[in-house]
Amino acid sequence: MLKVVGSIVCMLLLVSAAQAQSGRPDPGCGRDVSRFCRAVMDQGDGVILGCLQKNRARLSKTCAKVLTDHGQ
């Protein structure tokens, strides 16, 4: 389970970073992670996912959909 969670978070962050560098809008949760989970960004994927879940009511619609689409 933790490996799956880690894979999901890594995918979300990598796609978000790649989109940001290309100048295109962030299609995932990168902005939400920066906004709500900055303090735990260095503590591992499971912690970041937990932070996103804890802040679910405040997430952008896009990030909430990404989490839902990935079973979170």
PDB file of N, CA and C in Angstrom:
ATOM      1  N   MET A   1       0.830  -1.194   0.000  1.00  0.00           N
ATOM      2  CA  MET A   1       0.000   0.000   0.000  1.00  0.00           C
ATOM      3  C   MET A   1       0.871   1.254   0.000  1.00  0.00           C
ATOM      4  N   LEU A   2       1.877   1.295   0.856  1.00  0.00           N
ATOM      5  CA  LEU A   2       2.734   2.473   0.930  1.00  0.00           C
ATOM      6  C   LEU A   2       3.460   2.703  -0.392  1.00  0.00           C
ATOM      7  N   LYS A   3       3.853   1.630  -1.055  1.00  0.00           N
ATOM      8  CA  LYS A   3       4.535   1.766  -2.334  1.00  0.00           C
ATOM      9  C   LYS A   3       3.602   2.392  -3.374  1.00  0.00           C
ATOM     10  N   VAL A   4       2.330   1.992  -3.358  1.00  0.00           N
ATOM     11  CA  VAL A   4       1.348   2.564  -4.276  1.00  0.00           C
ATOM     12  C   VAL A   4       1.137   4.039  -3.968  1.00  0.00           C
ATOM     13  N   VAL A   5       1.010   4.367  -2.696  1.00  0.00           N
ATOM     14  CA  VAL A   5       0.834   5.760  -2.276  1.00  0.00           C
ATOM     15  C   VAL A   5       2.033   6.584  -2.733  1.00  0.00           C
ATOM     16  N   GLY A   6       3.217   6.073  -2.508  1.00  0.00           N
ATOM     17  CA  GLY A   6       4.430   6.775  -2.921  1.00  0.00           C
ATOM     18  C   GLY A   6       4.469   7.002  -4.417  1.00  0.00           C
ATOM     19  N   SER A   7       4.065   5.997  -5.174  1.00  0.00           N
ATOM     20  CA  SER A   7       4.045   6.121  -6.625  1.00  0.00           C
ATOM     21  C   SER A   7       3.067   7.194  -7.076  1.00  0.00           C
ATOM     22  N   ILE A   8       1.908   7.244  -6.444  1.00  0.00           N
ATOM     23  CA  ILE A   8       0.899   8.240  -6.804  1.00  0.00           C
ATOM     24  C   ILE A   8       1.414   9.641  -6.512  1.00  0.00           C
ATOM     25  N   VAL A   9       1.957   9.839  -5.325  1.00  0.00           N
ATOM     26  CA  VAL A   9       2.447  11.165  -4.952  1.00  0.00           C
ATOM     27  C   VAL A   9       3.603  11.575  -5.860  1.00  0.00           C
ATOM     28  N   CYS A  10       4.517  10.663  -6.116  1.00  0.00           N
ATOM     29  CA  CYS A  10       5.640  10.983  -7.008  1.00  0.00           C
ATOM     30  C   CYS A  10       5.145  11.389  -8.386  1.00  0.00           C
ATOM     31  N   MET A  11       4.183  10.630  -8.904  1.00  0.00           N
ATOM     32  CA  MET A  11       3.627  10.934 -10.210  1.00  0.00           C
ATOM     33  C   MET A  11       2.986  12.318 -10.209  1.00  0.00           C
ATOM     34  N   LEU A  12       2.214  12.627  -9.169  1.00  0.00           N
ATOM     35  CA  LEU A  12       1.554  13.933  -9.087  1.00  0.00           C
ATOM     36  C   LEU A  12       2.573  15.058  -9.065  1.00  0.00           C
ATOM     37  N   LEU A  13       3.609  14.898  -8.272  1.00  0.00           N
ATOM     38  CA  LEU A  13       4.610  15.955  -8.140  1.00  0.00           C
ATOM     39  C   LEU A  13       5.461  16.100  -9.392  1.00  0.00           C
ATOM     40  N   LEU A  14       5.842  14.991 -10.008  1.00  0.00           N
ATOM     41  CA  LEU A  14       6.661  15.057 -11.215  1.00  0.00           C
ATOM     42  C   LEU A  14       5.900  15.688 -12.366  1.00  0.00           C
ATOM     43  N   VAL A  15       4.667  15.283 -12.543  1.00  0.00           N
ATOM     44  CA  VAL A  15       3.858  15.866 -13.615  1.00  0.00           C
ATOM     45  C   VAL A  15       3.657  17.347 -13.359  1.00  0.00           C
ATOM     46  N   SER A  16       3.396  17.706 -12.120  1.00  0.00           N
ATOM     47  CA  SER A  16       3.194  19.109 -11.773  1.00  0.00           C
ATOM     48  C   SER A  16       4.454  19.926 -12.038  1.00  0.00           C
ATOM     49  N   ALA A  17       5.611  19.390 -11.652  1.00  0.00           N
ATOM     50  CA  ALA A  17       6.870  20.098 -11.867  1.00  0.00           C
ATOM     51  C   ALA A  17       7.162  20.249 -13.360  1.00  0.00           C
ATOM     52  N   ALA A  18       6.930  19.204 -14.113  1.00  0.00           N
ATOM     53  CA  ALA A  18       7.168  19.252 -15.556  1.00  0.00           C
ATOM     54  C   ALA A  18       6.252  20.276 -16.220  1.00  0.00           C
ATOM     55  N   GLN A  19       5.001  20.318 -15.808  1.00  0.00           N
ATOM     56  CA  GLN A  19       4.067  21.272 -16.372  1.00  0.00           C
ATOM     57  C   GLN A  19       4.475  22.699 -16.020  1.00  0.00           C
ATOM     58  N   ALA A  20       4.905  22.908 -14.796  1.00  0.00           N
ATOM     59  CA  ALA A  20       5.307  24.246 -14.359  1.00  0.00           C
ATOM     60  C   ALA A  20       6.504  24.736 -15.166  1.00  0.00           C
ATOM     61  N   GLN A  21       7.454  23.843 -15.424  1.00  0.00           N
ATOM     62  CA  GLN A  21       8.644  24.224 -16.178  1.00  0.00           C
ATOM     63  C   GLN A  21       8.317  24.521 -17.633  1.00  0.00           C
ATOM     64  N   SER A  22       7.296  23.861 -18.159  1.00  0.00           N
ATOM     65  CA  SER A  22       6.960  24.060 -19.560  1.00  0.00           C
ATOM     66  C   SER A  22       6.087  25.291 -19.762  1.00  0.00           C
ATOM     67  N   GLY A  23       5.645  25.910 -18.659  1.00  0.00           N
ATOM     68  CA  GLY A  23       4.812  27.087 -18.763  1.00  0.00           C
ATOM     69  C   GLY A  23       3.333  26.777 -18.888  1.00  0.00           C
ATOM     70  N   ARG A  24       2.982  25.506 -18.924  1.00  0.00           N
ATOM     71  CA  ARG A  24       1.573  25.113 -19.005  1.00  0.00           C
ATOM     72  C   ARG A  24       0.984  25.061 -17.606  1.00  0.00           C
ATOM     73  N   PRO A  25      -0.329  25.168 -17.511  1.00  0.00           N
ATOM     74  CA  PRO A  25      -0.962  25.094 -16.189  1.00  0.00           C
ATOM     75  C   PRO A  25      -0.708  23.755 -15.509  1.00  0.00           C
ATOM     76  N   ASP A  26      -0.652  23.775 -14.200  1.00  0.00           N
ATOM     77  CA  ASP A  26      -0.444  22.579 -13.388  1.00  0.00           C
ATOM     78  C   ASP A  26      -1.683  21.694 -13.452  1.00  0.00           C
ATOM     79  N   PRO A  27      -1.560  20.462 -13.955  1.00  0.00           N
ATOM     80  CA  PRO A  27      -2.734  19.596 -14.076  1.00  0.00           C
ATOM     81  C   PRO A  27      -2.978  18.749 -12.829  1.00  0.00           C
ATOM     82  N   GLY A  28      -2.159  18.911 -11.820  1.00  0.00           N
ATOM     83  CA  GLY A  28      -2.252  18.034 -10.662  1.00  0.00           C
ATOM     84  C   GLY A  28      -2.314  18.780  -9.354  1.00  0.00           C
ATOM     85  N   CYS A  29      -1.441  18.384  -8.447  1.00  0.00           N
ATOM     86  CA  CYS A  29      -1.511  18.879  -7.072  1.00  0.00           C
ATOM     87  C   CYS A  29      -0.288  19.680  -6.636  1.00  0.00           C
ATOM     88  N   GLY A  30       0.605  19.985  -7.539  1.00  0.00           N
ATOM     89  CA  GLY A  30       1.820  20.688  -7.154  1.00  0.00           C
ATOM     90  C   GLY A  30       1.561  21.987  -6.412  1.00  0.00           C
ATOM     91  N   ARG A  31       0.633  22.770  -6.913  1.00  0.00           N
ATOM     92  CA  ARG A  31       0.322  24.044  -6.267  1.00  0.00           C
ATOM     93  C   ARG A  31      -0.282  23.827  -4.879  1.00  0.00           C
ATOM     94  N   ASP A  32      -1.154  22.817  -4.770  1.00  0.00           N
ATOM     95  CA  ASP A  32      -1.774  22.515  -3.482  1.00  0.00           C
ATOM     96  C   ASP A  32      -0.743  21.999  -2.481  1.00  0.00           C
ATOM     97  N   VAL A  33       0.196  21.189  -2.948  1.00  0.00           N
ATOM     98  CA  VAL A  33       1.260  20.699  -2.062  1.00  0.00           C
ATOM     99  C   VAL A  33       2.080  21.880  -1.561  1.00  0.00           C
ATOM    100  N   SER A  34       2.441  22.782  -2.474  1.00  0.00           N
ATOM    101  CA  SER A  34       3.211  23.963  -2.074  1.00  0.00           C
ATOM    102  C   SER A  34       2.439  24.832  -1.095  1.00  0.00           C
ATOM    103  N   ARG A  35       1.148  24.925  -1.296  1.00  0.00           N
ATOM    104  CA  ARG A  35       0.319  25.804  -0.471  1.00  0.00           C
ATOM    105  C   ARG A  35       0.012  25.222   0.902  1.00  0.00           C
ATOM    106  N   PHE A  36      -0.384  23.948   0.945  1.00  0.00           N
ATOM    107  CA  PHE A  36      -0.866  23.360   2.191  1.00  0.00           C
ATOM    108  C   PHE A  36       0.134  22.427   2.879  1.00  0.00           C
ATOM    109  N   CYS A  37       1.102  21.918   2.139  1.00  0.00           N
ATOM    110  CA  CYS A  37       1.961  20.864   2.685  1.00  0.00           C
ATOM    111  C   CYS A  37       3.446  21.198   2.619  1.00  0.00           C
ATOM    112  N   ARG A  38       3.768  22.440   2.438  1.00  0.00           N
ATOM    113  CA  ARG A  38       5.178  22.844   2.316  1.00  0.00           C
ATOM    114  C   ARG A  38       6.024  22.361   3.497  1.00  0.00           C
ATOM    115  N   ALA A  39       5.468  22.413   4.688  1.00  0.00           N
ATOM    116  CA  ALA A  39       6.218  22.037   5.893  1.00  0.00           C
ATOM    117  C   ALA A  39       6.579  20.562   5.936  1.00  0.00           C
ATOM    118  N   VAL A  40       5.875  19.723   5.175  1.00  0.00           N
ATOM    119  CA  VAL A  40       6.135  18.280   5.225  1.00  0.00           C
ATOM    120  C   VAL A  40       6.668  17.735   3.903  1.00  0.00           C
ATOM    121  N   MET A  41       7.010  18.602   2.972  1.00  0.00           N
ATOM    122  CA  MET A  41       7.440  18.149   1.649  1.00  0.00           C
ATOM    123  C   MET A  41       8.668  17.248   1.702  1.00  0.00           C
ATOM    124  N   ASP A  42       9.492  17.377   2.713  1.00  0.00           N
ATOM    125  CA  ASP A  42      10.708  16.577   2.812  1.00  0.00           C
ATOM    126  C   ASP A  42      10.527  15.335   3.682  1.00  0.00           C
ATOM    127  N   GLN A  43       9.306  15.029   4.065  1.00  0.00           N
ATOM    128  CA  GLN A  43       9.062  13.920   4.984  1.00  0.00           C
ATOM    129  C   GLN A  43       8.523  12.660   4.313  1.00  0.00           C
ATOM    130  N   GLY A  44       8.507  12.625   3.014  1.00  0.00           N
ATOM    131  CA  GLY A  44       8.111  11.413   2.314  1.00  0.00           C
ATOM    132  C   GLY A  44       6.729  11.497   1.692  1.00  0.00           C
ATOM    133  N   ASP A  45       6.529  10.618   0.724  1.00  0.00           N
ATOM    134  CA  ASP A  45       5.308  10.625  -0.063  1.00  0.00           C
ATOM    135  C   ASP A  45       4.055  10.355   0.758  1.00  0.00           C
ATOM    136  N   GLY A  46       4.131   9.410   1.684  1.00  0.00           N
ATOM    137  CA  GLY A  46       2.976   9.082   2.506  1.00  0.00           C
ATOM    138  C   GLY A  46       2.528  10.258   3.351  1.00  0.00           C
ATOM    139  N   VAL A  47       3.483  11.019   3.848  1.00  0.00           N
ATOM    140  CA  VAL A  47       3.165  12.197   4.669  1.00  0.00           C
ATOM    141  C   VAL A  47       2.515  13.274   3.799  1.00  0.00           C
ATOM    142  N   ILE A  48       3.036  13.463   2.601  1.00  0.00           N
ATOM    143  CA  ILE A  48       2.457  14.451   1.686  1.00  0.00           C
ATOM    144  C   ILE A  48       1.033  14.051   1.323  1.00  0.00           C
ATOM    145  N   LEU A  49       0.826  12.799   1.002  1.00  0.00           N
ATOM    146  CA  LEU A  49      -0.521  12.342   0.673  1.00  0.00           C
ATOM    147  C   LEU A  49      -1.455  12.538   1.860  1.00  0.00           C
ATOM    148  N   GLY A  50      -0.987  12.217   3.049  1.00  0.00           N
ATOM    149  CA  GLY A  50      -1.792  12.430   4.254  1.00  0.00           C
ATOM    150  C   GLY A  50      -2.156  13.897   4.431  1.00  0.00           C
ATOM    151  N   CYS A  51      -1.210  14.776   4.151  1.00  0.00           N
ATOM    152  CA  CYS A  51      -1.452  16.211   4.246  1.00  0.00           C
ATOM    153  C   CYS A  51      -2.514  16.638   3.235  1.00  0.00           C
ATOM    154  N   LEU A  52      -2.406  16.141   2.010  1.00  0.00           N
ATOM    155  CA  LEU A  52      -3.411  16.479   1.000  1.00  0.00           C
ATOM    156  C   LEU A  52      -4.794  15.986   1.427  1.00  0.00           C
ATOM    157  N   GLN A  53      -4.847  14.764   1.951  1.00  0.00           N
ATOM    158  CA  GLN A  53      -6.121  14.220   2.405  1.00  0.00           C
ATOM    159  C   GLN A  53      -6.679  15.030   3.571  1.00  0.00           C
ATOM    160  N   LYS A  54      -5.827  15.456   4.463  1.00  0.00           N
ATOM    161  CA  LYS A  54      -6.243  16.262   5.612  1.00  0.00           C
ATOM    162  C   LYS A  54      -6.822  17.601   5.156  1.00  0.00           C
ATOM    163  N   ASN A  55      -6.296  18.122   4.079  1.00  0.00           N
ATOM    164  CA  ASN A  55      -6.727  19.414   3.550  1.00  0.00           C
ATOM    165  C   ASN A  55      -7.685  19.285   2.369  1.00  0.00           C
ATOM    166  N   ARG A  56      -8.290  18.125   2.212  1.00  0.00           N
ATOM    167  CA  ARG A  56      -9.133  17.841   1.044  1.00  0.00           C
ATOM    168  C   ARG A  56     -10.178  18.936   0.785  1.00  0.00           C
ATOM    169  N   ALA A  57     -10.811  19.449   1.806  1.00  0.00           N
ATOM    170  CA  ALA A  57     -11.863  20.464   1.630  1.00  0.00           C
ATOM    171  C   ALA A  57     -11.313  21.768   1.043  1.00  0.00           C
ATOM    172  N   ARG A  58     -10.015  21.986   1.175  1.00  0.00           N
ATOM    173  CA  ARG A  58      -9.396  23.225   0.708  1.00  0.00           C
ATOM    174  C   ARG A  58      -8.663  23.063  -0.617  1.00  0.00           C
ATOM    175  N   LEU A  59      -8.562  21.847  -1.132  1.00  0.00           N
ATOM    176  CA  LEU A  59      -7.814  21.586  -2.361  1.00  0.00           C
ATOM    177  C   LEU A  59      -8.523  22.164  -3.580  1.00  0.00           C
ATOM    178  N   SER A  60      -7.731  22.424  -4.592  1.00  0.00           N
ATOM    179  CA  SER A  60      -8.319  22.839  -5.865  1.00  0.00           C
ATOM    180  C   SER A  60      -9.156  21.679  -6.405  1.00  0.00           C
ATOM    181  N   LYS A  61     -10.099  22.016  -7.253  1.00  0.00           N
ATOM    182  CA  LYS A  61     -10.947  20.978  -7.851  1.00  0.00           C
ATOM    183  C   LYS A  61     -10.103  19.977  -8.644  1.00  0.00           C
ATOM    184  N   THR A  62      -9.075  20.488  -9.300  1.00  0.00           N
ATOM    185  CA  THR A  62      -8.208  19.622 -10.102  1.00  0.00           C
ATOM    186  C   THR A  62      -7.488  18.606  -9.232  1.00  0.00           C
ATOM    187  N   CYS A  63      -6.908  19.073  -8.141  1.00  0.00           N
ATOM    188  CA  CYS A  63      -6.172  18.159  -7.254  1.00  0.00           C
ATOM    189  C   CYS A  63      -7.119  17.165  -6.606  1.00  0.00           C
ATOM    190  N   ALA A  64      -8.269  17.632  -6.159  1.00  0.00           N
ATOM    191  CA  ALA A  64      -9.247  16.718  -5.546  1.00  0.00           C
ATOM    192  C   ALA A  64      -9.646  15.642  -6.533  1.00  0.00           C
ATOM    193  N   LYS A  65      -9.802  16.003  -7.813  1.00  0.00           N
ATOM    194  CA  LYS A  65     -10.167  15.021  -8.827  1.00  0.00           C
ATOM    195  C   LYS A  65      -9.036  14.016  -9.057  1.00  0.00           C
ATOM    196  N   VAL A  66      -7.802  14.513  -9.088  1.00  0.00           N
ATOM    197  CA  VAL A  66      -6.657  13.625  -9.272  1.00  0.00           C
ATOM    198  C   VAL A  66      -6.618  12.595  -8.134  1.00  0.00           C
ATOM    199  N   LEU A  67      -6.804  13.043  -6.903  1.00  0.00           N
ATOM    200  CA  LEU A  67      -6.801  12.119  -5.769  1.00  0.00           C
ATOM    201  C   LEU A  67      -7.930  11.108  -5.890  1.00  0.00           C
ATOM    202  N   THR A  68      -9.122  11.592  -6.223  1.00  0.00           N
ATOM    203  CA  THR A  68     -10.271  10.702  -6.375  1.00  0.00           C
ATOM    204  C   THR A  68     -10.037   9.691  -7.492  1.00  0.00           C
ATOM    205  N   ASP A  69      -9.525  10.170  -8.609  1.00  0.00           N
ATOM    206  CA  ASP A  69      -9.257   9.288  -9.762  1.00  0.00           C
ATOM    207  C   ASP A  69      -8.240   8.214  -9.435  1.00  0.00           C
ATOM    208  N   HIS A  70      -7.377   8.461  -8.433  1.00  0.00           N
ATOM    209  CA  HIS A  70      -6.363   7.488  -8.044  1.00  0.00           C
ATOM    210  C   HIS A  70      -6.736   6.748  -6.762  1.00  0.00           C
ATOM    211  N   GLY A  71      -8.016   6.774  -6.430  1.00  0.00           N
ATOM    212  CA  GLY A  71      -8.504   5.998  -5.302  1.00  0.00           C
ATOM    213  C   GLY A  71      -8.145   6.551  -3.945  1.00  0.00           C
ATOM    214  N   GLN A  72      -7.892   7.823  -3.860  1.00  0.00           N
ATOM    215  CA  GLN A  72      -7.513   8.444  -2.597  1.00  0.00           C
ATOM    216  C   GLN A  72      -8.631   9.321  -2.146  1.00  0.00           C
TER     217      GLN A  72
END
